[in-house]
Amino acid sequence: MEEKYDLFGKCPFITAQKILAGKWTVVILHNLSSSTLRFGELQRSLPNLTQSTLTKQLRSLEEYGVVKRYVFAQVPPKVEYSLTDIGKEFKAVLDSISLWGEKYIQHIKVSEDKAHEILIVPKQK
């Protein structure tokens, strides 16, 4: 049997899983899906994410060709990040994740409401 990562570039699920493996990858892609952002802007939009983790995840996405890094020749340095053409294709997936996430949030609320109703129903004699 082939190793899981030997299937990278052959199996669409393994390929996507490897690219999206970072904890913050989907959120980073979501933030970049609406506009080009500078590193500091991205960092401010993700306050729980450390600078080193953001850097690692951006580099990984850049290596896979999903994110483009543009460095301006100026002092101090200015760097912008945007989605590449193949990265922009992921917008449809982000939209699907958003829809599913909203449905799941509603599912949680309904489940909590049902659990609450069960707790407040008076005992029958």
Protein backbone atom coordinates (compact mmCIF):
# COMPACT_ATOMS: atom_id res chain seq x y z
CA MET A 1 0.00 0.00 0.00
CA GLU A 2 1.28 3.50 -0.84
CA GLU A 3 2.11 5.88 1.96
CA LYS A 4 -0.51 8.59 2.51
CA TYR A 5 1.70 11.41 1.22
CA ASP A 6 2.86 9.37 -1.76
CA LEU A 7 -0.67 9.99 -2.96
CA PHE A 8 -0.08 13.75 -2.97
CA GLY A 9 -0.76 14.98 -6.49
CA LYS A 10 -2.64 11.78 -7.31
CA CYS A 11 -5.58 11.68 -4.89
CA PRO A 12 -7.57 14.93 -4.67
CA PHE A 13 -8.46 14.40 -1.00
CA ILE A 14 -4.90 13.67 0.13
CA THR A 15 -3.62 16.58 -1.95
CA ALA A 16 -6.13 19.02 -0.45
CA GLN A 17 -5.60 17.64 3.05
CA LYS A 18 -1.85 18.22 2.87
CA ILE A 19 -2.23 21.78 1.55
CA LEU A 20 -4.90 22.62 4.16
CA ALA A 21 -3.18 20.82 7.06
CA GLY A 22 -2.26 23.99 8.97
CA LYS A 23 -4.62 24.87 11.81
CA TRP A 24 -5.11 28.42 10.49
CA THR A 25 -4.88 27.74 6.75
CA VAL A 26 -8.60 27.95 5.97
CA VAL A 27 -8.97 31.19 7.96
CA ILE A 28 -5.92 32.71 6.24
CA LEU A 29 -7.34 31.77 2.84
CA HIS A 30 -10.71 33.22 3.85
CA ASN A 31 -9.09 36.55 4.78
CA LEU A 32 -7.12 36.67 1.54
CA SER A 33 -10.15 35.70 -0.56
CA SER A 34 -11.62 39.17 -0.30
CA SER A 35 -8.48 41.27 -0.84
CA THR A 36 -4.71 41.54 -0.96
CA LEU A 37 -3.35 42.08 2.54
CA ARG A 38 -0.08 43.11 4.11
CA PHE A 39 1.44 40.85 6.75
CA GLY A 40 0.45 43.19 9.58
CA GLU A 41 -3.14 43.37 8.35
CA LEU A 42 -3.36 39.60 8.25
CA GLN A 43 -1.83 39.36 11.71
CA ARG A 44 -4.31 41.88 13.16
CA SER A 45 -7.22 39.97 11.64
CA LEU A 46 -6.03 36.82 13.46
CA PRO A 47 -5.09 38.02 16.96
CA ASN A 48 -4.74 34.50 18.42
CA LEU A 49 -2.18 33.54 15.80
CA THR A 50 1.52 34.07 16.54
CA GLN A 51 3.76 35.84 14.04
CA SER A 52 5.89 32.72 13.56
CA THR A 53 2.87 30.48 12.90
CA LEU A 54 1.42 32.97 10.41
CA THR A 55 4.81 33.16 8.66
CA LYS A 56 5.09 29.35 8.48
CA GLN A 57 1.57 28.92 7.15
CA LEU A 58 1.97 31.67 4.56
CA ARG A 59 5.27 30.15 3.40
CA SER A 60 3.65 26.75 3.09
CA LEU A 61 0.75 28.17 1.06
CA GLU A 62 3.25 30.05 -1.09
CA GLU A 63 5.25 26.85 -1.71
CA TYR A 64 2.08 25.09 -2.86
CA GLY A 65 1.33 27.99 -5.21
CA VAL A 66 -1.91 28.97 -3.48
CA VAL A 67 -0.69 32.30 -2.10
CA LYS A 68 1.47 34.89 -3.85
CA ARG A 69 3.93 37.03 -1.89
CA TYR A 70 4.89 40.36 -3.38
CA VAL A 71 7.84 42.25 -1.87
CA PHE A 72 8.10 45.96 -2.69
CA ALA A 73 11.62 47.31 -3.19
CA GLN A 74 11.51 49.96 -0.51
CA VAL A 75 12.72 50.69 3.01
CA PRO A 76 11.15 49.70 5.30
CA PRO A 77 10.14 46.57 3.41
CA LYS A 78 6.54 46.19 2.37
CA VAL A 79 5.13 42.73 1.66
CA GLU A 80 1.66 41.91 0.37
CA TYR A 81 -0.08 38.56 0.14
CA SER A 82 -2.82 37.57 -2.26
CA LEU A 83 -4.32 34.42 -3.70
CA THR A 84 -2.95 33.04 -6.94
CA ASP A 85 -5.34 31.94 -9.67
CA ILE A 86 -5.51 28.42 -8.22
CA GLY A 87 -5.93 29.95 -4.76
CA LYS A 88 -8.89 31.98 -6.02
CA GLU A 89 -10.47 28.71 -7.16
CA PHE A 90 -10.67 27.79 -3.47
CA LYS A 91 -13.23 30.60 -2.91
CA ALA A 92 -16.04 28.22 -3.89
CA VAL A 93 -14.84 25.79 -1.20
CA LEU A 94 -14.71 28.62 1.35
CA ASP A 95 -18.28 29.57 0.45
CA SER A 96 -19.36 25.94 0.96
CA ILE A 97 -17.54 25.79 4.31
CA SER A 98 -19.30 28.99 5.35
CA LEU A 99 -22.73 27.58 4.46
CA TRP A 100 -22.02 24.32 6.25
CA GLY A 101 -20.63 26.17 9.27
CA GLU A 102 -23.80 28.30 9.53
CA LYS A 103 -25.95 25.16 9.35
CA TYR A 104 -23.84 23.47 11.99
CA ILE A 105 -24.12 26.51 14.30
CA GLN A 106 -27.91 26.27 13.94
CA HIS A 107 -27.71 22.52 14.65
CA ILE A 108 -25.81 23.25 17.87
CA LYS A 109 -28.37 25.86 18.94
CA VAL A 110 -31.28 23.48 18.27
CA SER A 111 -29.52 20.69 20.18
CA GLU A 112 -28.86 23.02 23.12
CA ASP A 113 -32.49 24.21 23.09
CA LYS A 114 -33.72 20.60 23.10
CA ALA A 115 -31.38 19.70 25.95
CA HIS A 116 -32.59 22.73 27.89
CA GLU A 117 -36.24 21.75 27.29
CA ILE A 118 -35.58 18.25 28.60
CA LEU A 119 -34.04 19.70 31.76
CA ILE A 120 -36.99 21.96 32.56
CA VAL A 121 -39.84 19.51 31.90
CA PRO A 122 -41.53 18.78 35.23
CA LYS A 123 -41.38 15.23 36.50
CA GLN A 124 -44.53 13.19 36.03
CA LYS A 125 -46.03 11.36 39.03
